N, C-alpha and C. Protein backbone atom coordinates (compact mmCIF):
# COMPACT_ATOMS: atom_id res chain seq x y z
N MET A 1 41.01 -51.37 -33.41
CA MET A 1 41.37 -51.60 -32.01
C MET A 1 42.75 -51.02 -31.74
N VAL A 2 42.89 -50.37 -30.60
CA VAL A 2 44.16 -49.73 -30.29
C VAL A 2 45.18 -50.74 -29.83
N SER A 3 46.43 -50.35 -29.84
CA SER A 3 47.49 -51.21 -29.31
C SER A 3 47.58 -51.03 -27.81
N ALA A 4 48.55 -51.68 -27.20
CA ALA A 4 48.72 -51.59 -25.75
C ALA A 4 49.41 -50.30 -25.33
N SER A 5 49.78 -49.44 -26.27
CA SER A 5 50.57 -48.25 -25.94
C SER A 5 49.84 -47.31 -25.00
N ILE A 6 48.53 -47.12 -25.22
CA ILE A 6 47.78 -46.21 -24.35
C ILE A 6 47.71 -46.77 -22.95
N GLU A 7 47.44 -48.08 -22.83
CA GLU A 7 47.37 -48.70 -21.50
C GLU A 7 48.71 -48.58 -20.78
N ARG A 8 49.83 -48.78 -21.50
CA ARG A 8 51.14 -48.66 -20.86
C ARG A 8 51.39 -47.23 -20.41
N GLU A 9 50.94 -46.28 -21.25
CA GLU A 9 51.14 -44.88 -20.92
C GLU A 9 50.48 -44.53 -19.59
N PHE A 10 49.25 -45.01 -19.37
CA PHE A 10 48.55 -44.68 -18.15
C PHE A 10 48.89 -45.61 -17.01
N SER A 11 49.42 -46.79 -17.31
CA SER A 11 49.88 -47.66 -16.24
C SER A 11 51.08 -47.03 -15.54
N ALA A 12 51.87 -46.29 -16.31
CA ALA A 12 53.05 -45.65 -15.74
C ALA A 12 52.70 -44.36 -15.02
N ALA A 13 51.52 -43.83 -15.26
CA ALA A 13 51.10 -42.58 -14.63
C ALA A 13 50.29 -42.89 -13.38
N ALA A 14 50.06 -41.85 -12.58
CA ALA A 14 49.30 -42.03 -11.35
C ALA A 14 47.81 -42.02 -11.66
N PHE A 15 47.11 -42.96 -11.06
CA PHE A 15 45.66 -42.95 -11.09
C PHE A 15 45.18 -42.33 -9.78
N PRO A 16 44.01 -41.73 -9.74
CA PRO A 16 43.03 -41.66 -10.83
C PRO A 16 43.34 -40.58 -11.85
N ILE A 17 42.80 -40.76 -13.05
CA ILE A 17 42.96 -39.79 -14.13
C ILE A 17 42.09 -38.57 -13.84
N ARG A 18 42.66 -37.39 -14.05
CA ARG A 18 41.97 -36.15 -13.68
C ARG A 18 41.60 -35.30 -14.89
N ASP A 19 41.18 -34.08 -14.61
CA ASP A 19 40.86 -33.02 -15.57
C ASP A 19 39.48 -33.17 -16.20
N GLY A 20 39.19 -34.29 -16.85
CA GLY A 20 37.89 -34.49 -17.45
C GLY A 20 36.93 -35.21 -16.51
N VAL A 21 35.81 -35.67 -17.07
CA VAL A 21 34.79 -36.36 -16.29
C VAL A 21 34.37 -37.62 -17.04
N PHE A 22 34.19 -38.70 -16.31
CA PHE A 22 33.61 -39.92 -16.87
C PHE A 22 32.19 -40.03 -16.35
N VAL A 23 31.23 -40.10 -17.27
CA VAL A 23 29.81 -40.23 -16.91
C VAL A 23 29.41 -41.68 -17.14
N ALA A 24 29.17 -42.39 -16.06
CA ALA A 24 28.81 -43.81 -16.13
C ALA A 24 27.29 -43.93 -16.08
N VAL A 25 26.70 -44.43 -17.15
CA VAL A 25 25.25 -44.61 -17.22
C VAL A 25 24.94 -46.06 -16.88
N VAL A 26 24.15 -46.26 -15.83
CA VAL A 26 23.84 -47.61 -15.37
C VAL A 26 22.34 -47.76 -15.22
N GLY A 27 21.92 -49.01 -14.99
CA GLY A 27 20.51 -49.26 -14.77
C GLY A 27 20.12 -50.62 -15.33
N PRO A 28 18.96 -51.11 -14.95
CA PRO A 28 18.53 -52.43 -15.39
C PRO A 28 18.22 -52.48 -16.88
N SER A 29 18.32 -53.65 -17.46
CA SER A 29 17.93 -53.83 -18.85
C SER A 29 16.45 -53.44 -19.02
N GLY A 30 16.16 -52.70 -20.07
CA GLY A 30 14.80 -52.25 -20.31
C GLY A 30 14.52 -50.86 -19.78
N ALA A 31 15.46 -50.29 -19.03
CA ALA A 31 15.23 -48.95 -18.48
C ALA A 31 15.35 -47.87 -19.56
N GLY A 32 16.01 -48.20 -20.67
CA GLY A 32 16.14 -47.22 -21.75
C GLY A 32 17.42 -46.42 -21.69
N LYS A 33 18.50 -47.02 -21.24
CA LYS A 33 19.78 -46.29 -21.15
C LYS A 33 20.23 -45.80 -22.52
N ASP A 34 20.20 -46.69 -23.52
CA ASP A 34 20.64 -46.29 -24.86
C ASP A 34 19.74 -45.21 -25.45
N THR A 35 18.45 -45.27 -25.13
CA THR A 35 17.51 -44.27 -25.63
C THR A 35 17.83 -42.89 -25.06
N VAL A 36 18.11 -42.84 -23.77
CA VAL A 36 18.43 -41.56 -23.12
C VAL A 36 19.76 -41.04 -23.63
N ILE A 37 20.75 -41.93 -23.75
CA ILE A 37 22.05 -41.50 -24.29
C ILE A 37 21.89 -41.00 -25.71
N GLY A 38 21.10 -41.70 -26.52
CA GLY A 38 20.88 -41.28 -27.90
C GLY A 38 20.20 -39.93 -28.01
N TYR A 39 19.30 -39.64 -27.10
CA TYR A 39 18.63 -38.34 -27.07
C TYR A 39 19.65 -37.23 -26.88
N ALA A 40 20.56 -37.43 -25.92
CA ALA A 40 21.59 -36.42 -25.66
C ALA A 40 22.57 -36.33 -26.81
N ARG A 41 22.93 -37.46 -27.40
CA ARG A 41 23.88 -37.44 -28.51
C ARG A 41 23.34 -36.62 -29.68
N SER A 42 22.06 -36.75 -29.96
CA SER A 42 21.48 -36.00 -31.08
C SER A 42 21.50 -34.50 -30.82
N LEU A 43 21.31 -34.11 -29.56
CA LEU A 43 21.32 -32.68 -29.22
C LEU A 43 22.73 -32.12 -29.26
N PHE A 44 23.71 -32.91 -28.82
CA PHE A 44 25.09 -32.44 -28.71
C PHE A 44 25.95 -32.95 -29.86
N ALA A 45 25.38 -33.11 -31.03
CA ALA A 45 26.11 -33.69 -32.17
C ALA A 45 27.38 -32.92 -32.50
N ASP A 46 27.39 -31.62 -32.26
CA ASP A 46 28.55 -30.79 -32.62
C ASP A 46 29.38 -30.38 -31.40
N GLU A 47 29.11 -30.98 -30.25
CA GLU A 47 29.82 -30.61 -29.02
C GLU A 47 31.10 -31.44 -28.88
N THR A 48 32.24 -30.80 -29.11
CA THR A 48 33.52 -31.51 -29.11
C THR A 48 34.01 -31.88 -27.71
N ARG A 49 33.41 -31.27 -26.68
CA ARG A 49 33.84 -31.59 -25.32
C ARG A 49 33.28 -32.92 -24.83
N LEU A 50 32.31 -33.45 -25.55
CA LEU A 50 31.68 -34.70 -25.15
C LEU A 50 32.13 -35.85 -26.05
N GLU A 51 32.35 -37.01 -25.44
CA GLU A 51 32.65 -38.22 -26.20
C GLU A 51 31.66 -39.32 -25.79
N PHE A 52 30.78 -39.68 -26.71
CA PHE A 52 29.85 -40.77 -26.47
C PHE A 52 30.56 -42.06 -26.87
N VAL A 53 30.91 -42.85 -25.87
CA VAL A 53 31.80 -43.99 -26.07
C VAL A 53 31.09 -45.13 -26.81
N ARG A 54 31.76 -45.65 -27.81
CA ARG A 54 31.28 -46.82 -28.55
C ARG A 54 31.89 -48.06 -27.92
N ARG A 55 31.05 -48.89 -27.32
CA ARG A 55 31.55 -50.06 -26.60
C ARG A 55 31.93 -51.19 -27.56
N VAL A 56 32.74 -52.10 -27.05
CA VAL A 56 33.08 -53.33 -27.74
C VAL A 56 32.38 -54.47 -27.00
N ILE A 57 31.61 -55.28 -27.73
CA ILE A 57 30.80 -56.33 -27.11
C ILE A 57 30.94 -57.61 -27.93
N THR A 58 30.91 -58.73 -27.25
CA THR A 58 30.95 -60.03 -27.95
C THR A 58 29.54 -60.44 -28.36
N ARG A 59 28.85 -59.52 -29.04
CA ARG A 59 27.50 -59.76 -29.55
C ARG A 59 27.37 -59.06 -30.88
N PRO A 60 26.83 -59.72 -31.90
CA PRO A 60 26.65 -59.05 -33.19
C PRO A 60 25.74 -57.83 -33.05
N SER A 61 26.02 -56.81 -33.82
CA SER A 61 25.19 -55.61 -33.81
C SER A 61 23.95 -55.85 -34.66
N ASP A 62 22.81 -55.37 -34.18
CA ASP A 62 21.57 -55.49 -34.96
C ASP A 62 20.72 -54.26 -34.71
N THR A 63 19.56 -54.21 -35.36
CA THR A 63 18.71 -53.01 -35.29
C THR A 63 18.04 -52.85 -33.93
N THR A 64 18.03 -53.90 -33.11
CA THR A 64 17.35 -53.82 -31.81
C THR A 64 18.30 -53.49 -30.67
N SER A 65 19.60 -53.41 -30.94
CA SER A 65 20.56 -53.14 -29.88
C SER A 65 21.36 -51.89 -30.20
N GLU A 66 22.19 -51.48 -29.27
CA GLU A 66 23.01 -50.29 -29.47
C GLU A 66 24.00 -50.48 -30.62
N ASP A 67 24.45 -49.39 -31.16
CA ASP A 67 25.48 -49.42 -32.19
C ASP A 67 26.82 -49.61 -31.49
N HIS A 68 27.42 -50.77 -31.69
CA HIS A 68 28.66 -51.07 -30.99
C HIS A 68 29.62 -51.81 -31.92
N ASP A 69 30.87 -51.93 -31.48
CA ASP A 69 31.84 -52.75 -32.20
C ASP A 69 31.76 -54.17 -31.66
N THR A 70 31.95 -55.14 -32.56
CA THR A 70 31.80 -56.54 -32.19
C THR A 70 33.11 -57.29 -32.31
N LEU A 71 33.40 -58.12 -31.31
CA LEU A 71 34.53 -59.03 -31.35
C LEU A 71 34.06 -60.41 -30.90
N ALA A 72 34.63 -61.44 -31.49
CA ALA A 72 34.40 -62.79 -31.00
C ALA A 72 35.08 -62.94 -29.65
N ASP A 73 34.69 -63.95 -28.88
CA ASP A 73 35.23 -64.15 -27.53
C ASP A 73 36.76 -64.21 -27.53
N ALA A 74 37.33 -65.03 -28.42
CA ALA A 74 38.78 -65.20 -28.44
C ALA A 74 39.48 -63.90 -28.78
N ALA A 75 38.93 -63.16 -29.75
CA ALA A 75 39.53 -61.89 -30.15
C ALA A 75 39.42 -60.86 -29.04
N PHE A 76 38.32 -60.89 -28.29
CA PHE A 76 38.14 -59.96 -27.18
C PHE A 76 39.20 -60.23 -26.10
N VAL A 77 39.36 -61.50 -25.75
CA VAL A 77 40.34 -61.86 -24.73
C VAL A 77 41.75 -61.43 -25.14
N GLU A 78 42.07 -61.60 -26.42
CA GLU A 78 43.38 -61.19 -26.93
C GLU A 78 43.54 -59.68 -26.85
N ALA A 79 42.49 -58.94 -27.26
CA ALA A 79 42.55 -57.48 -27.20
C ALA A 79 42.68 -57.00 -25.77
N GLU A 80 41.97 -57.65 -24.86
CA GLU A 80 42.04 -57.29 -23.44
C GLU A 80 43.45 -57.48 -22.90
N ALA A 81 44.08 -58.57 -23.28
CA ALA A 81 45.45 -58.84 -22.84
C ALA A 81 46.43 -57.83 -23.42
N ASP A 82 46.12 -57.28 -24.59
CA ASP A 82 46.98 -56.30 -25.25
C ASP A 82 46.75 -54.88 -24.72
N GLY A 83 45.84 -54.71 -23.76
CA GLY A 83 45.60 -53.38 -23.19
C GLY A 83 44.68 -52.52 -24.02
N ALA A 84 43.80 -53.14 -24.80
CA ALA A 84 42.92 -52.38 -25.69
C ALA A 84 41.78 -51.69 -24.96
N PHE A 85 41.53 -52.08 -23.70
CA PHE A 85 40.39 -51.54 -22.98
C PHE A 85 40.82 -50.80 -21.72
N ALA A 86 40.17 -49.66 -21.48
CA ALA A 86 40.37 -48.97 -20.20
C ALA A 86 39.79 -49.80 -19.08
N ILE A 87 38.65 -50.42 -19.36
CA ILE A 87 38.00 -51.28 -18.37
C ILE A 87 37.11 -52.26 -19.12
N SER A 88 36.95 -53.45 -18.58
CA SER A 88 36.13 -54.47 -19.23
C SER A 88 35.42 -55.29 -18.16
N TRP A 89 34.35 -55.98 -18.58
CA TRP A 89 33.59 -56.78 -17.63
C TRP A 89 32.77 -57.82 -18.39
N GLU A 90 32.20 -58.74 -17.64
CA GLU A 90 31.34 -59.77 -18.20
C GLU A 90 29.96 -59.67 -17.56
N ALA A 91 28.92 -59.88 -18.38
CA ALA A 91 27.54 -59.87 -17.87
C ALA A 91 26.65 -60.61 -18.84
N HIS A 92 25.77 -61.43 -18.30
CA HIS A 92 24.77 -62.14 -19.10
C HIS A 92 25.40 -62.94 -20.24
N GLY A 93 26.57 -63.54 -19.96
CA GLY A 93 27.22 -64.37 -20.95
C GLY A 93 27.96 -63.62 -22.04
N LEU A 94 28.10 -62.31 -21.90
CA LEU A 94 28.79 -61.49 -22.89
C LEU A 94 29.96 -60.75 -22.24
N ARG A 95 30.91 -60.34 -23.07
CA ARG A 95 32.04 -59.51 -22.62
C ARG A 95 31.86 -58.10 -23.16
N TYR A 96 32.19 -57.13 -22.33
CA TYR A 96 32.05 -55.72 -22.69
C TYR A 96 33.38 -55.00 -22.43
N GLY A 97 33.73 -54.05 -23.31
CA GLY A 97 34.95 -53.29 -23.12
C GLY A 97 34.77 -51.82 -23.47
N ILE A 98 35.40 -50.97 -22.68
CA ILE A 98 35.47 -49.52 -22.96
C ILE A 98 36.86 -49.27 -23.54
N PRO A 99 36.95 -48.77 -24.80
CA PRO A 99 38.26 -48.59 -25.44
C PRO A 99 39.22 -47.75 -24.61
N ALA A 100 40.49 -48.10 -24.68
CA ALA A 100 41.52 -47.43 -23.88
C ALA A 100 41.68 -45.96 -24.22
N GLU A 101 41.24 -45.55 -25.43
CA GLU A 101 41.35 -44.14 -25.81
C GLU A 101 40.57 -43.22 -24.86
N VAL A 102 39.60 -43.78 -24.15
CA VAL A 102 38.80 -42.98 -23.22
C VAL A 102 39.67 -42.37 -22.13
N ASP A 103 40.69 -43.09 -21.68
CA ASP A 103 41.59 -42.55 -20.66
C ASP A 103 42.22 -41.24 -21.13
N ARG A 104 42.66 -41.24 -22.37
CA ARG A 104 43.31 -40.03 -22.90
C ARG A 104 42.30 -38.89 -23.03
N SER A 105 41.07 -39.20 -23.44
CA SER A 105 40.04 -38.17 -23.56
C SER A 105 39.78 -37.50 -22.22
N VAL A 106 39.63 -38.31 -21.17
CA VAL A 106 39.37 -37.76 -19.84
C VAL A 106 40.58 -36.97 -19.35
N ALA A 107 41.77 -37.48 -19.59
CA ALA A 107 42.99 -36.77 -19.19
C ALA A 107 43.13 -35.43 -19.90
N ASN A 108 42.54 -35.32 -21.09
CA ASN A 108 42.58 -34.08 -21.86
C ASN A 108 41.41 -33.16 -21.56
N GLY A 109 40.63 -33.48 -20.52
CA GLY A 109 39.58 -32.57 -20.08
C GLY A 109 38.23 -32.78 -20.72
N ARG A 110 38.04 -33.87 -21.44
CA ARG A 110 36.76 -34.10 -22.08
C ARG A 110 35.82 -34.87 -21.15
N VAL A 111 34.56 -34.93 -21.53
CA VAL A 111 33.54 -35.68 -20.79
C VAL A 111 33.21 -36.92 -21.59
N ALA A 112 33.50 -38.09 -21.03
CA ALA A 112 33.22 -39.36 -21.70
C ALA A 112 31.97 -39.98 -21.10
N ILE A 113 31.05 -40.41 -21.97
CA ILE A 113 29.78 -40.98 -21.53
C ILE A 113 29.70 -42.42 -22.00
N ALA A 114 29.42 -43.35 -21.08
CA ALA A 114 29.36 -44.75 -21.47
C ALA A 114 28.31 -45.50 -20.64
N ASN A 115 27.68 -46.44 -21.29
CA ASN A 115 26.74 -47.37 -20.66
C ASN A 115 27.57 -48.50 -20.05
N VAL A 116 27.54 -48.64 -18.74
CA VAL A 116 28.38 -49.63 -18.07
C VAL A 116 27.58 -50.45 -17.08
N SER A 117 28.22 -51.46 -16.53
CA SER A 117 27.62 -52.29 -15.49
C SER A 117 27.78 -51.63 -14.13
N ARG A 118 26.75 -51.75 -13.30
CA ARG A 118 26.84 -51.21 -11.94
C ARG A 118 27.98 -51.86 -11.16
N ALA A 119 28.31 -53.10 -11.52
CA ALA A 119 29.33 -53.84 -10.78
C ALA A 119 30.71 -53.22 -10.89
N ILE A 120 30.96 -52.41 -11.94
CA ILE A 120 32.30 -51.86 -12.12
C ILE A 120 32.44 -50.43 -11.60
N ILE A 121 31.40 -49.91 -10.94
CA ILE A 121 31.48 -48.54 -10.41
C ILE A 121 32.67 -48.37 -9.46
N PRO A 122 32.95 -49.31 -8.54
CA PRO A 122 34.14 -49.13 -7.68
C PRO A 122 35.43 -49.01 -8.48
N ALA A 123 35.57 -49.82 -9.55
CA ALA A 123 36.78 -49.74 -10.38
C ALA A 123 36.85 -48.40 -11.11
N LEU A 124 35.71 -47.89 -11.53
CA LEU A 124 35.69 -46.58 -12.20
C LEU A 124 36.06 -45.46 -11.22
N ARG A 125 35.62 -45.58 -9.98
CA ARG A 125 35.99 -44.56 -8.97
C ARG A 125 37.49 -44.55 -8.75
N ASP A 126 38.13 -45.71 -8.83
CA ASP A 126 39.58 -45.79 -8.67
C ASP A 126 40.29 -45.22 -9.89
N ARG A 127 39.68 -45.33 -11.06
CA ARG A 127 40.36 -44.97 -12.31
C ARG A 127 40.20 -43.49 -12.66
N TYR A 128 39.02 -42.92 -12.34
CA TYR A 128 38.75 -41.53 -12.74
C TYR A 128 38.43 -40.69 -11.50
N ALA A 129 39.13 -39.58 -11.36
CA ALA A 129 38.93 -38.71 -10.20
C ALA A 129 37.55 -38.08 -10.20
N ASN A 130 37.05 -37.78 -11.39
CA ASN A 130 35.76 -37.11 -11.52
C ASN A 130 34.78 -38.08 -12.20
N LEU A 131 33.98 -38.75 -11.40
CA LEU A 131 33.04 -39.74 -11.90
C LEU A 131 31.61 -39.31 -11.56
N ALA A 132 30.78 -39.22 -12.57
CA ALA A 132 29.35 -38.97 -12.37
C ALA A 132 28.60 -40.24 -12.74
N VAL A 133 27.79 -40.74 -11.83
CA VAL A 133 27.02 -41.96 -12.07
C VAL A 133 25.56 -41.57 -12.30
N VAL A 134 25.02 -41.97 -13.43
CA VAL A 134 23.62 -41.69 -13.76
C VAL A 134 22.88 -43.01 -13.83
N GLU A 135 21.96 -43.20 -12.92
CA GLU A 135 21.17 -44.43 -12.88
C GLU A 135 19.84 -44.18 -13.59
N ILE A 136 19.63 -44.89 -14.69
CA ILE A 136 18.37 -44.81 -15.42
C ILE A 136 17.46 -45.91 -14.90
N THR A 137 16.27 -45.56 -14.45
CA THR A 137 15.35 -46.53 -13.90
C THR A 137 14.00 -46.46 -14.62
N ALA A 138 13.15 -47.41 -14.31
CA ALA A 138 11.77 -47.42 -14.80
C ALA A 138 10.98 -48.35 -13.90
N SER A 139 9.68 -48.24 -13.94
CA SER A 139 8.84 -49.08 -13.09
C SER A 139 8.98 -50.54 -13.52
N PRO A 140 8.77 -51.48 -12.60
CA PRO A 140 8.86 -52.90 -12.96
C PRO A 140 7.96 -53.29 -14.13
N GLN A 141 6.78 -52.69 -14.20
CA GLN A 141 5.88 -53.00 -15.30
C GLN A 141 6.45 -52.56 -16.64
N ILE A 142 7.03 -51.38 -16.66
CA ILE A 142 7.64 -50.85 -17.89
C ILE A 142 8.84 -51.70 -18.29
N LEU A 143 9.66 -52.06 -17.31
CA LEU A 143 10.83 -52.90 -17.60
C LEU A 143 10.39 -54.22 -18.23
N ALA A 144 9.38 -54.85 -17.64
CA ALA A 144 8.90 -56.14 -18.16
C ALA A 144 8.38 -55.99 -19.59
N GLN A 145 7.64 -54.93 -19.86
CA GLN A 145 7.10 -54.71 -21.21
C GLN A 145 8.23 -54.52 -22.22
N ARG A 146 9.20 -53.72 -21.87
CA ARG A 146 10.29 -53.44 -22.81
C ARG A 146 11.14 -54.67 -23.07
N LEU A 147 11.43 -55.44 -22.03
CA LEU A 147 12.21 -56.66 -22.21
C LEU A 147 11.46 -57.67 -23.07
N ALA A 148 10.16 -57.78 -22.87
CA ALA A 148 9.35 -58.70 -23.68
C ALA A 148 9.34 -58.27 -25.14
N MET A 149 9.28 -56.98 -25.38
CA MET A 149 9.25 -56.46 -26.76
C MET A 149 10.56 -56.74 -27.49
N ARG A 150 11.67 -56.77 -26.76
CA ARG A 150 12.96 -57.04 -27.41
C ARG A 150 13.03 -58.47 -27.94
N GLY A 151 12.35 -59.39 -27.27
CA GLY A 151 12.27 -60.76 -27.75
C GLY A 151 13.56 -61.55 -27.69
N ARG A 152 14.52 -61.12 -26.89
CA ARG A 152 15.80 -61.83 -26.80
C ARG A 152 15.76 -62.99 -25.80
N GLU A 153 14.84 -62.91 -24.83
CA GLU A 153 14.85 -63.86 -23.73
C GLU A 153 13.46 -64.46 -23.51
N SER A 154 13.44 -65.62 -22.87
CA SER A 154 12.18 -66.25 -22.50
C SER A 154 11.55 -65.49 -21.34
N ARG A 155 10.29 -65.80 -21.04
CA ARG A 155 9.61 -65.14 -19.92
C ARG A 155 10.36 -65.39 -18.61
N GLY A 156 10.83 -66.64 -18.42
CA GLY A 156 11.57 -66.97 -17.21
C GLY A 156 12.85 -66.17 -17.09
N GLU A 157 13.56 -65.99 -18.20
CA GLU A 157 14.79 -65.21 -18.20
C GLU A 157 14.52 -63.75 -17.90
N VAL A 158 13.41 -63.23 -18.45
CA VAL A 158 13.03 -61.84 -18.18
C VAL A 158 12.74 -61.65 -16.70
N LEU A 159 11.98 -62.57 -16.10
CA LEU A 159 11.65 -62.46 -14.68
C LEU A 159 12.91 -62.54 -13.81
N ALA A 160 13.83 -63.43 -14.19
CA ALA A 160 15.08 -63.55 -13.44
C ALA A 160 15.89 -62.27 -13.54
N ARG A 161 15.93 -61.67 -14.71
CA ARG A 161 16.67 -60.42 -14.89
C ARG A 161 16.06 -59.31 -14.05
N LEU A 162 14.73 -59.24 -14.01
CA LEU A 162 14.06 -58.22 -13.21
C LEU A 162 14.34 -58.42 -11.72
N ALA A 163 14.36 -59.67 -11.28
CA ALA A 163 14.64 -59.96 -9.88
C ALA A 163 16.05 -59.52 -9.51
N ARG A 164 17.02 -59.76 -10.40
CA ARG A 164 18.40 -59.35 -10.11
C ARG A 164 18.51 -57.83 -10.01
N SER A 165 17.78 -57.13 -10.85
CA SER A 165 17.90 -55.67 -10.89
C SER A 165 17.38 -55.02 -9.62
N THR A 166 16.42 -55.65 -8.94
CA THR A 166 15.88 -55.07 -7.72
C THR A 166 16.79 -55.25 -6.53
N ASN A 167 17.79 -56.10 -6.67
CA ASN A 167 18.69 -56.40 -5.55
C ASN A 167 19.98 -55.60 -5.59
N VAL A 168 20.10 -54.66 -6.52
CA VAL A 168 21.32 -53.87 -6.67
C VAL A 168 21.05 -52.44 -6.24
N ALA A 169 21.78 -51.95 -5.27
CA ALA A 169 21.63 -50.58 -4.79
C ALA A 169 22.92 -49.82 -5.02
N LEU A 170 22.80 -48.60 -5.49
CA LEU A 170 23.97 -47.76 -5.72
C LEU A 170 24.20 -46.87 -4.52
N SER A 171 25.47 -46.65 -4.22
CA SER A 171 25.82 -45.75 -3.13
C SER A 171 27.08 -45.00 -3.50
N GLY A 172 27.40 -43.98 -2.73
CA GLY A 172 28.59 -43.20 -3.01
C GLY A 172 28.25 -41.85 -3.59
N PRO A 173 29.27 -41.00 -3.77
CA PRO A 173 29.03 -39.63 -4.25
C PRO A 173 28.73 -39.59 -5.74
N GLY A 174 28.08 -38.51 -6.14
CA GLY A 174 27.89 -38.24 -7.57
C GLY A 174 26.91 -39.14 -8.27
N VAL A 175 25.87 -39.64 -7.56
CA VAL A 175 24.87 -40.52 -8.19
C VAL A 175 23.59 -39.73 -8.44
N THR A 176 23.13 -39.73 -9.70
CA THR A 176 21.88 -39.10 -10.09
C THR A 176 20.94 -40.18 -10.60
N SER A 177 19.72 -40.22 -10.09
CA SER A 177 18.74 -41.20 -10.53
C SER A 177 17.70 -40.53 -11.42
N ILE A 178 17.45 -41.12 -12.59
CA ILE A 178 16.50 -40.57 -13.56
C ILE A 178 15.46 -41.64 -13.90
N ASP A 179 14.18 -41.33 -13.67
CA ASP A 179 13.10 -42.27 -14.00
C ASP A 179 12.72 -42.10 -15.47
N ASN A 180 12.85 -43.18 -16.21
CA ASN A 180 12.54 -43.16 -17.64
C ASN A 180 11.28 -43.98 -17.94
N SER A 181 10.31 -43.92 -17.03
CA SER A 181 9.06 -44.64 -17.25
C SER A 181 8.16 -43.92 -18.24
N GLY A 182 8.35 -42.61 -18.38
CA GLY A 182 7.49 -41.81 -19.24
C GLY A 182 8.14 -41.47 -20.57
N PRO A 183 7.79 -40.31 -21.15
CA PRO A 183 8.36 -39.89 -22.44
C PRO A 183 9.87 -39.77 -22.36
N ARG A 184 10.55 -40.16 -23.43
CA ARG A 184 12.02 -40.12 -23.39
C ARG A 184 12.54 -38.70 -23.26
N GLU A 185 11.75 -37.71 -23.71
CA GLU A 185 12.19 -36.32 -23.61
C GLU A 185 12.37 -35.90 -22.15
N ALA A 186 11.50 -36.39 -21.27
CA ALA A 186 11.59 -36.01 -19.86
C ALA A 186 12.89 -36.52 -19.25
N ALA A 187 13.18 -37.80 -19.46
CA ALA A 187 14.43 -38.35 -18.94
C ALA A 187 15.63 -37.76 -19.68
N GLY A 188 15.48 -37.57 -21.00
CA GLY A 188 16.57 -37.03 -21.80
C GLY A 188 17.00 -35.65 -21.35
N GLU A 189 16.04 -34.79 -21.01
CA GLU A 189 16.37 -33.44 -20.58
C GLU A 189 17.08 -33.45 -19.22
N ARG A 190 16.71 -34.37 -18.34
CA ARG A 190 17.41 -34.48 -17.06
C ARG A 190 18.83 -34.95 -17.26
N PHE A 191 19.01 -35.87 -18.20
CA PHE A 191 20.35 -36.36 -18.50
C PHE A 191 21.20 -35.24 -19.09
N ILE A 192 20.62 -34.43 -19.93
CA ILE A 192 21.34 -33.31 -20.53
C ILE A 192 21.82 -32.34 -19.45
N GLU A 193 21.02 -32.14 -18.42
CA GLU A 193 21.44 -31.29 -17.31
C GLU A 193 22.72 -31.83 -16.66
N VAL A 194 22.77 -33.15 -16.50
CA VAL A 194 23.97 -33.77 -15.91
C VAL A 194 25.19 -33.51 -16.80
N LEU A 195 25.01 -33.66 -18.11
CA LEU A 195 26.14 -33.47 -19.03
C LEU A 195 26.59 -32.01 -19.06
N ARG A 196 25.67 -31.09 -18.98
CA ARG A 196 26.05 -29.67 -18.94
C ARG A 196 26.88 -29.38 -17.69
N LYS A 197 26.48 -29.95 -16.57
CA LYS A 197 27.24 -29.74 -15.34
C LYS A 197 28.63 -30.38 -15.45
N ALA A 198 28.70 -31.54 -16.08
CA ALA A 198 29.99 -32.21 -16.25
C ALA A 198 30.91 -31.37 -17.12
N MET A 199 30.37 -30.79 -18.19
CA MET A 199 31.19 -29.94 -19.07
C MET A 199 31.66 -28.69 -18.32
N ALA A 200 30.78 -28.11 -17.52
CA ALA A 200 31.17 -26.93 -16.76
C ALA A 200 32.27 -27.28 -15.77
N PHE A 201 32.17 -28.45 -15.14
CA PHE A 201 33.19 -28.89 -14.19
C PHE A 201 34.53 -29.09 -14.88
N SER A 202 34.50 -29.73 -16.06
CA SER A 202 35.76 -30.01 -16.76
C SER A 202 36.40 -28.75 -17.32
N ASP A 203 35.61 -27.65 -17.43
CA ASP A 203 36.15 -26.38 -17.92
C ASP A 203 36.84 -25.58 -16.83
N ARG A 204 36.75 -26.05 -15.59
CA ARG A 204 37.36 -25.30 -14.49
C ARG A 204 38.87 -25.19 -14.70
N PRO A 205 39.45 -24.04 -14.34
CA PRO A 205 40.91 -23.91 -14.47
C PRO A 205 41.64 -24.81 -13.51
């Protein structure tokens, strides 16, 4: 975990951070955000202009969830107070953080990709001058099937989660919607197009 030095460095500078691009991947649980991100990561394994952000979550890592760093609640709160995160949020009883090093990556012209909550899009627009929002979606039937297969929640909790997801609408510039109801390659290739455009944008003089 980083110290507060990076946060202090950018607190003293003017926001929003420029030069690079932050790609915010959003969408309801079960839409396959991690699957689409993983598809692109495997293709761009040697691409130094891209940074696939490893989130910090107050949930143990396991084989059914994304590969992330884990902190207990108290340790997360302490790290947050020390400026360890560029941005953080709470959802579904968990805390999530994007490491503060991401600010430096974007300031240095790189493209940072992270799975985030739709609720923090306004804060991201304030923080990064160049923000691309990618909404991964899927049909309600597919979402229900995938959530049931994960086995983390009861049927009632799954239905409640699906109901919440239908009530959230994205607006603003730079939003791309990708349907991931079918083969992951189809959604993955569309996502790759977004990343190529982001890299081309960040390469501008």
